[in-house]
């Protein structure tokens, strides 16, 4: 099986691309989480047909920045772990 030799710069570029893709995926996930939360807030505030026992508790708009920050922190932890794993 032939072995492909690559330079350190090429390896660093490849690692950077992998990490950037992971961060993009995490940002997409953060956006999806924000969208779901906002839709649940809208559904809760626009729907009065549920009894109290059927209502779910969702965070209000004031919690969105904290949830975003938490999602970004998790994305950064994931990127750090991925970088460490790639570094060996």
PDB file of N, CA and C in Angstrom:
ATOM      1  N   UNK A   1       0.843  -1.163   0.000  1.00  0.00           N
ATOM      2  CA  UNK A   1       0.000   0.000   0.000  1.00  0.00           C
ATOM      3  C   UNK A   1       0.900   1.242   0.000  1.00  0.00           C
ATOM      4  N   UNK A   2       0.738   2.108  -0.985  1.00  0.00           N
ATOM      5  CA  UNK A   2       1.595   3.299  -1.052  1.00  0.00           C
ATOM      6  C   UNK A   2       1.271   4.276   0.079  1.00  0.00           C
ATOM      7  N   UNK A   3       2.293   4.936   0.538  1.00  0.00           N
ATOM      8  CA  UNK A   3       2.142   5.915   1.616  1.00  0.00           C
ATOM      9  C   UNK A   3       2.291   7.298   1.011  1.00  0.00           C
ATOM     10  N   UNK A   4       1.345   8.167   1.298  1.00  0.00           N
ATOM     11  CA  UNK A   4       1.399   9.538   0.794  1.00  0.00           C
ATOM     12  C   UNK A   4       2.101  10.401   1.832  1.00  0.00           C
ATOM     13  N   UNK A   5       3.138  11.065   1.422  1.00  0.00           N
ATOM     14  CA  UNK A   5       3.859  11.970   2.311  1.00  0.00           C
ATOM     15  C   UNK A   5       3.252  13.366   2.159  1.00  0.00           C
ATOM     16  N   UNK A   6       2.937  13.986   3.268  1.00  0.00           N
ATOM     17  CA  UNK A   6       2.429  15.353   3.209  1.00  0.00           C
ATOM     18  C   UNK A   6       3.261  16.218   4.140  1.00  0.00           C
ATOM     19  N   UNK A   7       3.310  17.474   3.808  1.00  0.00           N
ATOM     20  CA  UNK A   7       4.069  18.413   4.625  1.00  0.00           C
ATOM     21  C   UNK A   7       3.282  18.859   5.843  1.00  0.00           C
ATOM     22  N   UNK A   8       4.002  19.417   6.786  1.00  0.00           N
ATOM     23  CA  UNK A   8       3.383  19.897   8.017  1.00  0.00           C
ATOM     24  C   UNK A   8       2.357  20.987   7.723  1.00  0.00           C
ATOM     25  N   UNK A   9       2.668  21.877   6.794  1.00  0.00           N
ATOM     26  CA  UNK A   9       1.738  22.960   6.459  1.00  0.00           C
ATOM     27  C   UNK A   9       0.440  22.394   5.897  1.00  0.00           C
ATOM     28  N   UNK A  10       0.551  21.369   5.052  1.00  0.00           N
ATOM     29  CA  UNK A  10      -0.647  20.752   4.475  1.00  0.00           C
ATOM     30  C   UNK A  10      -1.473  20.066   5.566  1.00  0.00           C
ATOM     31  N   UNK A  11      -0.795  19.416   6.497  1.00  0.00           N
ATOM     32  CA  UNK A  11      -1.483  18.756   7.606  1.00  0.00           C
ATOM     33  C   UNK A  11      -2.207  19.784   8.472  1.00  0.00           C
ATOM     34  N   UNK A  12      -1.542  20.900   8.761  1.00  0.00           N
ATOM     35  CA  UNK A  12      -2.169  21.954   9.561  1.00  0.00           C
ATOM     36  C   UNK A  12      -3.378  22.534   8.837  1.00  0.00           C
ATOM     37  N   UNK A  13      -3.267  22.693   7.519  1.00  0.00           N
ATOM     38  CA  UNK A  13      -4.388  23.193   6.732  1.00  0.00           C
ATOM     39  C   UNK A  13      -5.552  22.218   6.792  1.00  0.00           C
ATOM     40  N   UNK A  14      -5.260  20.926   6.643  1.00  0.00           N
ATOM     41  CA  UNK A  14      -6.307  19.905   6.717  1.00  0.00           C
ATOM     42  C   UNK A  14      -6.982  19.918   8.088  1.00  0.00           C
ATOM     43  N   UNK A  15      -6.183  20.029   9.142  1.00  0.00           N
ATOM     44  CA  UNK A  15      -6.747  20.069  10.495  1.00  0.00           C
ATOM     45  C   UNK A  15      -7.608  21.311  10.680  1.00  0.00           C
ATOM     46  N   UNK A  16      -7.151  22.441  10.170  1.00  0.00           N
ATOM     47  CA  UNK A  16      -7.917  23.682  10.289  1.00  0.00           C
ATOM     48  C   UNK A  16      -9.255  23.559   9.562  1.00  0.00           C
ATOM     49  N   UNK A  17      -9.244  22.923   8.393  1.00  0.00           N
ATOM     50  CA  UNK A  17     -10.490  22.731   7.646  1.00  0.00           C
ATOM     51  C   UNK A  17     -11.454  21.835   8.414  1.00  0.00           C
ATOM     52  N   UNK A  18     -10.941  20.775   9.025  1.00  0.00           N
ATOM     53  CA  UNK A  18     -11.787  19.869   9.810  1.00  0.00           C
ATOM     54  C   UNK A  18     -12.399  20.612  10.994  1.00  0.00           C
ATOM     55  N   UNK A  19     -11.587  21.392  11.681  1.00  0.00           N
ATOM     56  CA  UNK A  19     -12.083  22.138  12.841  1.00  0.00           C
ATOM     57  C   UNK A  19     -13.094  23.189  12.404  1.00  0.00           C
ATOM     58  N   UNK A  20     -12.831  23.869  11.287  1.00  0.00           N
ATOM     59  CA  UNK A  20     -13.784  24.865  10.791  1.00  0.00           C
ATOM     60  C   UNK A  20     -15.112  24.223  10.424  1.00  0.00           C
ATOM     61  N   UNK A  21     -15.057  23.035   9.811  1.00  0.00           N
ATOM     62  CA  UNK A  21     -16.303  22.327   9.487  1.00  0.00           C
ATOM     63  C   UNK A  21     -17.045  21.951  10.763  1.00  0.00           C
ATOM     64  N   UNK A  22     -16.305  21.502  11.777  1.00  0.00           N
ATOM     65  CA  UNK A  22     -16.937  21.130  13.051  1.00  0.00           C
ATOM     66  C   UNK A  22     -17.581  22.352  13.705  1.00  0.00           C
ATOM     67  N   UNK A  23     -16.883  23.490  13.680  1.00  0.00           N
ATOM     68  CA  UNK A  23     -17.447  24.707  14.258  1.00  0.00           C
ATOM     69  C   UNK A  23     -18.678  25.166  13.487  1.00  0.00           C
ATOM     70  N   UNK A  24     -18.637  25.032  12.164  1.00  0.00           N
ATOM     71  CA  UNK A  24     -19.799  25.375  11.344  1.00  0.00           C
ATOM     72  C   UNK A  24     -20.976  24.479  11.702  1.00  0.00           C
ATOM     73  N   UNK A  25     -20.712  23.181  11.852  1.00  0.00           N
ATOM     74  CA  UNK A  25     -21.772  22.253  12.246  1.00  0.00           C
ATOM     75  C   UNK A  25     -22.338  22.627  13.611  1.00  0.00           C
ATOM     76  N   UNK A  26     -21.465  23.012  14.536  1.00  0.00           N
ATOM     77  CA  UNK A  26     -21.919  23.407  15.870  1.00  0.00           C
ATOM     78  C   UNK A  26     -22.724  24.698  15.804  1.00  0.00           C
ATOM     79  N   UNK A  27     -22.318  25.633  14.947  1.00  0.00           N
ATOM     80  CA  UNK A  27     -23.076  26.878  14.798  1.00  0.00           C
ATOM     81  C   UNK A  27     -24.449  26.586  14.217  1.00  0.00           C
ATOM     82  N   UNK A  28     -24.501  25.665  13.244  1.00  0.00           N
ATOM     83  CA  UNK A  28     -25.783  25.266  12.674  1.00  0.00           C
ATOM     84  C   UNK A  28     -26.667  24.655  13.753  1.00  0.00           C
ATOM     85  N   UNK A  29     -26.078  23.816  14.591  1.00  0.00           N
ATOM     86  CA  UNK A  29     -26.827  23.215  15.693  1.00  0.00           C
ATOM     87  C   UNK A  29     -27.328  24.292  16.653  1.00  0.00           C
ATOM     88  N   UNK A  30     -26.483  25.269  16.949  1.00  0.00           N
ATOM     89  CA  UNK A  30     -26.886  26.375  17.820  1.00  0.00           C
ATOM     90  C   UNK A  30     -28.068  27.124  17.216  1.00  0.00           C
ATOM     91  N   UNK A  31     -27.994  27.396  15.915  1.00  0.00           N
ATOM     92  CA  UNK A  31     -29.091  28.079  15.231  1.00  0.00           C
ATOM     93  C   UNK A  31     -30.368  27.248  15.281  1.00  0.00           C
ATOM     94  N   UNK A  32     -30.234  25.941  15.086  1.00  0.00           N
ATOM     95  CA  UNK A  32     -31.397  25.053  15.147  1.00  0.00           C
ATOM     96  C   UNK A  32     -32.016  25.057  16.539  1.00  0.00           C
ATOM     97  N   UNK A  33     -31.170  25.023  17.567  1.00  0.00           N
ATOM     98  CA  UNK A  33     -31.665  25.065  18.947  1.00  0.00           C
ATOM     99  C   UNK A  33     -32.422  26.369  19.185  1.00  0.00           C
ATOM    100  N   UNK A  34     -31.850  27.480  18.738  1.00  0.00           N
ATOM    101  CA  UNK A  34     -32.492  28.784  18.906  1.00  0.00           C
ATOM    102  C   UNK A  34     -33.856  28.801  18.210  1.00  0.00           C
ATOM    103  N   UNK A  35     -33.919  28.258  17.000  1.00  0.00           N
ATOM    104  CA  UNK A  35     -35.171  28.227  16.246  1.00  0.00           C
ATOM    105  C   UNK A  35     -36.230  27.404  16.971  1.00  0.00           C
ATOM    106  N   UNK A  36     -35.838  26.241  17.460  1.00  0.00           N
ATOM    107  CA  UNK A  36     -36.790  25.385  18.182  1.00  0.00           C
ATOM    108  C   UNK A  36     -37.309  26.092  19.428  1.00  0.00           C
ATOM    109  N   UNK A  37     -36.412  26.725  20.169  1.00  0.00           N
ATOM    110  CA  UNK A  37     -36.825  27.428  21.387  1.00  0.00           C
ATOM    111  C   UNK A  37     -37.781  28.564  21.045  1.00  0.00           C
ATOM    112  N   UNK A  38     -37.454  29.332  20.006  1.00  0.00           N
ATOM    113  CA  UNK A  38     -38.322  30.439  19.624  1.00  0.00           C
ATOM    114  C   UNK A  38     -39.694  29.940  19.178  1.00  0.00           C
ATOM    115  N   UNK A  39     -39.738  28.834  18.440  1.00  0.00           N
ATOM    116  CA  UNK A  39     -41.024  28.281  18.002  1.00  0.00           C
ATOM    117  C   UNK A  39     -41.837  27.784  19.190  1.00  0.00           C
ATOM    118  N   UNK A  40     -41.168  27.179  20.170  1.00  0.00           N
ATOM    119  CA  UNK A  40     -41.881  26.716  21.368  1.00  0.00           C
ATOM    120  C   UNK A  40     -42.425  27.902  22.154  1.00  0.00           C
ATOM    121  N   UNK A  41     -41.653  28.979  22.221  1.00  0.00           N
ATOM    122  CA  UNK A  41     -42.130  30.182  22.912  1.00  0.00           C
ATOM    123  C   UNK A  41     -43.355  30.728  22.194  1.00  0.00           C
ATOM    124  N   UNK A  42     -43.280  30.811  20.860  1.00  0.00           N
ATOM    125  CA  UNK A  42     -44.421  31.299  20.087  1.00  0.00           C
ATOM    126  C   UNK A  42     -45.631  30.393  20.274  1.00  0.00           C
ATOM    127  N   UNK A  43     -45.397  29.088  20.238  1.00  0.00           N
ATOM    128  CA  UNK A  43     -46.497  28.137  20.383  1.00  0.00           C
ATOM    129  C   UNK A  43     -47.144  28.282  21.757  1.00  0.00           C
ATOM    130  N   UNK A  44     -46.316  28.456  22.767  1.00  0.00           N
ATOM    131  CA  UNK A  44     -46.846  28.580  24.128  1.00  0.00           C
ATOM    132  C   UNK A  44     -47.633  29.874  24.286  1.00  0.00           C
ATOM    133  N   UNK A  45     -47.124  30.955  23.729  1.00  0.00           N
ATOM    134  CA  UNK A  45     -47.805  32.238  23.906  1.00  0.00           C
ATOM    135  C   UNK A  45     -49.017  32.383  22.997  1.00  0.00           C
ATOM    136  N   UNK A  46     -49.051  31.662  21.878  1.00  0.00           N
ATOM    137  CA  UNK A  46     -50.164  31.787  20.936  1.00  0.00           C
ATOM    138  C   UNK A  46     -51.240  30.734  21.130  1.00  0.00           C
ATOM    139  N   UNK A  47     -51.014  29.754  21.966  1.00  0.00           N
ATOM    140  CA  UNK A  47     -51.963  28.666  22.129  1.00  0.00           C
ATOM    141  C   UNK A  47     -52.552  28.698  23.527  1.00  0.00           C
ATOM    142  N   UNK A  48     -53.857  28.869  23.568  1.00  0.00           N
ATOM    143  CA  UNK A  48     -54.537  28.868  24.858  1.00  0.00           C
ATOM    144  C   UNK A  48     -55.495  27.691  24.952  1.00  0.00           C
ATOM    145  N   UNK A  49     -55.372  26.744  24.019  1.00  0.00           N
ATOM    146  CA  UNK A  49     -56.293  25.616  23.993  1.00  0.00           C
ATOM    147  C   UNK A  49     -55.840  24.462  24.883  1.00  0.00           C
ATOM    148  N   UNK A  50     -54.656  24.553  25.449  1.00  0.00           N
ATOM    149  CA  UNK A  50     -54.140  23.482  26.295  1.00  0.00           C
ATOM    150  C   UNK A  50     -54.530  23.719  27.746  1.00  0.00           C
ATOM    151  N   UNK A  51     -54.784  22.648  28.445  1.00  0.00           N
ATOM    152  CA  UNK A  51     -54.980  22.777  29.889  1.00  0.00           C
ATOM    153  C   UNK A  51     -53.608  22.966  30.523  1.00  0.00           C
ATOM    154  N   UNK A  52     -53.576  23.379  31.761  1.00  0.00           N
ATOM    155  CA  UNK A  52     -52.297  23.598  32.444  1.00  0.00           C
ATOM    156  C   UNK A  52     -51.452  22.336  32.478  1.00  0.00           C
ATOM    157  N   UNK A  53     -52.095  21.184  32.590  1.00  0.00           N
ATOM    158  CA  UNK A  53     -51.329  19.939  32.657  1.00  0.00           C
ATOM    159  C   UNK A  53     -50.708  19.572  31.311  1.00  0.00           C
ATOM    160  N   UNK A  54     -51.245  20.128  30.218  1.00  0.00           N
ATOM    161  CA  UNK A  54     -50.700  19.825  28.895  1.00  0.00           C
ATOM    162  C   UNK A  54     -49.654  20.837  28.453  1.00  0.00           C
ATOM    163  N   UNK A  55     -49.590  21.956  29.138  1.00  0.00           N
ATOM    164  CA  UNK A  55     -48.637  22.996  28.755  1.00  0.00           C
ATOM    165  C   UNK A  55     -47.225  22.561  29.129  1.00  0.00           C
ATOM    166  N   UNK A  56     -46.286  22.935  28.301  1.00  0.00           N
ATOM    167  CA  UNK A  56     -44.893  22.668  28.623  1.00  0.00           C
ATOM    168  C   UNK A  56     -44.232  23.983  29.000  1.00  0.00           C
ATOM    169  N   UNK A  57     -43.219  23.906  29.780  1.00  0.00           N
ATOM    170  CA  UNK A  57     -42.484  25.099  30.177  1.00  0.00           C
ATOM    171  C   UNK A  57     -41.308  25.270  29.235  1.00  0.00           C
ATOM    172  N   UNK A  58     -41.234  26.419  28.611  1.00  0.00           N
ATOM    173  CA  UNK A  58     -40.112  26.714  27.720  1.00  0.00           C
ATOM    174  C   UNK A  58     -39.458  28.000  28.201  1.00  0.00           C
ATOM    175  N   UNK A  59     -38.189  28.168  27.906  1.00  0.00           N
ATOM    176  CA  UNK A  59     -37.518  29.394  28.333  1.00  0.00           C
ATOM    177  C   UNK A  59     -38.063  30.607  27.590  1.00  0.00           C
ATOM    178  N   UNK A  60     -38.061  31.740  28.242  1.00  0.00           N
ATOM    179  CA  UNK A  60     -38.495  32.952  27.562  1.00  0.00           C
ATOM    180  C   UNK A  60     -37.318  33.573  26.807  1.00  0.00           C
ATOM    181  N   UNK A  61     -37.602  34.651  26.092  1.00  0.00           N
ATOM    182  CA  UNK A  61     -36.573  35.285  25.258  1.00  0.00           C
ATOM    183  C   UNK A  61     -35.348  35.726  26.052  1.00  0.00           C
ATOM    184  N   UNK A  62     -35.521  36.035  27.326  1.00  0.00           N
ATOM    185  CA  UNK A  62     -34.376  36.501  28.110  1.00  0.00           C
ATOM    186  C   UNK A  62     -33.342  35.398  28.315  1.00  0.00           C
ATOM    187  N   UNK A  63     -33.755  34.138  28.146  1.00  0.00           N
ATOM    188  CA  UNK A  63     -32.821  33.026  28.329  1.00  0.00           C
ATOM    189  C   UNK A  63     -32.055  32.686  27.051  1.00  0.00           C
ATOM    190  N   UNK A  64     -32.504  33.179  25.903  1.00  0.00           N
ATOM    191  CA  UNK A  64     -31.848  32.820  24.642  1.00  0.00           C
ATOM    192  C   UNK A  64     -30.362  33.148  24.622  1.00  0.00           C
ATOM    193  N   UNK A  65     -29.929  34.329  25.060  1.00  0.00           N
ATOM    194  CA  UNK A  65     -28.485  34.601  25.039  1.00  0.00           C
ATOM    195  C   UNK A  65     -27.686  33.609  25.886  1.00  0.00           C
ATOM    196  N   UNK A  66     -28.237  33.214  27.034  1.00  0.00           N
ATOM    197  CA  UNK A  66     -27.531  32.243  27.878  1.00  0.00           C
ATOM    198  C   UNK A  66     -27.482  30.873  27.212  1.00  0.00           C
ATOM    199  N   UNK A  67     -28.579  30.481  26.562  1.00  0.00           N
ATOM    200  CA  UNK A  67     -28.588  29.192  25.870  1.00  0.00           C
ATOM    201  C   UNK A  67     -27.627  29.209  24.686  1.00  0.00           C
ATOM    202  N   UNK A  68     -27.585  30.333  23.971  1.00  0.00           N
ATOM    203  CA  UNK A  68     -26.632  30.468  22.866  1.00  0.00           C
ATOM    204  C   UNK A  68     -25.209  30.363  23.384  1.00  0.00           C
ATOM    205  N   UNK A  69     -24.918  31.054  24.466  1.00  0.00           N
ATOM    206  CA  UNK A  69     -23.567  31.023  25.033  1.00  0.00           C
ATOM    207  C   UNK A  69     -23.200  29.604  25.449  1.00  0.00           C
ATOM    208  N   UNK A  70     -24.149  28.881  26.024  1.00  0.00           N
ATOM    209  CA  UNK A  70     -23.902  27.498  26.421  1.00  0.00           C
ATOM    210  C   UNK A  70     -23.628  26.626  25.198  1.00  0.00           C
ATOM    211  N   UNK A  71     -24.415  26.812  24.139  1.00  0.00           N
ATOM    212  CA  UNK A  71     -24.207  26.032  22.919  1.00  0.00           C
ATOM    213  C   UNK A  71     -22.851  26.346  22.297  1.00  0.00           C
ATOM    214  N   UNK A  72     -22.458  27.614  22.304  1.00  0.00           N
ATOM    215  CA  UNK A  72     -21.153  28.003  21.755  1.00  0.00           C
ATOM    216  C   UNK A  72     -20.032  27.409  22.598  1.00  0.00           C
ATOM    217  N   UNK A  73     -20.192  27.424  23.919  1.00  0.00           N
ATOM    218  CA  UNK A  73     -19.193  26.828  24.807  1.00  0.00           C
ATOM    219  C   UNK A  73     -19.037  25.340  24.505  1.00  0.00           C
ATOM    220  N   UNK A  74     -20.152  24.643  24.306  1.00  0.00           N
ATOM    221  CA  UNK A  74     -20.093  23.218  23.981  1.00  0.00           C
ATOM    222  C   UNK A  74     -19.413  23.006  22.626  1.00  0.00           C
ATOM    223  N   UNK A  75     -19.679  23.896  21.665  1.00  0.00           N
ATOM    224  CA  UNK A  75     -19.038  23.794  20.352  1.00  0.00           C
ATOM    225  C   UNK A  75     -17.530  23.986  20.478  1.00  0.00           C
ATOM    226  N   UNK A  76     -17.120  24.938  21.309  1.00  0.00           N
ATOM    227  CA  UNK A  76     -15.691  25.176  21.507  1.00  0.00           C
ATOM    228  C   UNK A  76     -15.027  23.987  22.194  1.00  0.00           C
ATOM    229  N   UNK A  77     -15.715  23.388  23.174  1.00  0.00           N
ATOM    230  CA  UNK A  77     -15.175  22.194  23.835  1.00  0.00           C
ATOM    231  C   UNK A  77     -15.003  21.067  22.822  1.00  0.00           C
ATOM    232  N   UNK A  78     -16.003  20.904  21.952  1.00  0.00           N
ATOM    233  CA  UNK A  78     -15.943  19.874  20.923  1.00  0.00           C
ATOM    234  C   UNK A  78     -14.764  20.129  19.984  1.00  0.00           C
ATOM    235  N   UNK A  79     -14.592  21.380  19.562  1.00  0.00           N
ATOM    236  CA  UNK A  79     -13.494  21.721  18.656  1.00  0.00           C
ATOM    237  C   UNK A  79     -12.143  21.477  19.324  1.00  0.00           C
ATOM    238  N   UNK A  80     -12.026  21.832  20.601  1.00  0.00           N
ATOM    239  CA  UNK A  80     -10.774  21.584  21.333  1.00  0.00           C
ATOM    240  C   UNK A  80     -10.484  20.092  21.436  1.00  0.00           C
ATOM    241  N   UNK A  81     -11.508  19.310  21.766  1.00  0.00           N
ATOM    242  CA  UNK A  81     -11.326  17.858  21.877  1.00  0.00           C
ATOM    243  C   UNK A  81     -10.942  17.263  20.529  1.00  0.00           C
ATOM    244  N   UNK A  82     -11.569  17.756  19.465  1.00  0.00           N
ATOM    245  CA  UNK A  82     -11.247  17.269  18.125  1.00  0.00           C
ATOM    246  C   UNK A  82      -9.812  17.621  17.760  1.00  0.00           C
ATOM    247  N   UNK A  83      -9.395  18.837  18.066  1.00  0.00           N
ATOM    248  CA  UNK A  83      -8.025  19.254  17.764  1.00  0.00           C
ATOM    249  C   UNK A  83      -7.019  18.405  18.532  1.00  0.00           C
ATOM    250  N   UNK A  84      -7.303  18.124  19.812  1.00  0.00           N
ATOM    251  CA  UNK A  84      -6.402  17.286  20.607  1.00  0.00           C
ATOM    252  C   UNK A  84      -6.327  15.873  20.043  1.00  0.00           C
ATOM    253  N   UNK A  85      -7.479  15.358  19.609  1.00  0.00           N
ATOM    254  CA  UNK A  85      -7.502  14.008  19.041  1.00  0.00           C
ATOM    255  C   UNK A  85      -6.709  13.961  17.735  1.00  0.00           C
ATOM    256  N   UNK A  86      -6.840  15.005  16.933  1.00  0.00           N
ATOM    257  CA  UNK A  86      -6.108  15.046  15.665  1.00  0.00           C
ATOM    258  C   UNK A  86      -4.611  15.235  15.895  1.00  0.00           C
ATOM    259  N   UNK A  87      -4.258  15.951  16.961  1.00  0.00           N
ATOM    260  CA  UNK A  87      -2.844  16.148  17.290  1.00  0.00           C
ATOM    261  C   UNK A  87      -2.199  14.853  17.766  1.00  0.00           C
ATOM    262  N   UNK A  88      -3.025  13.950  18.242  1.00  0.00           N
ATOM    263  CA  UNK A  88      -2.511  12.652  18.695  1.00  0.00           C
ATOM    264  C   UNK A  88      -2.182  12.753  20.108  1.00  0.00           C
TER     265      UNK A  88
END
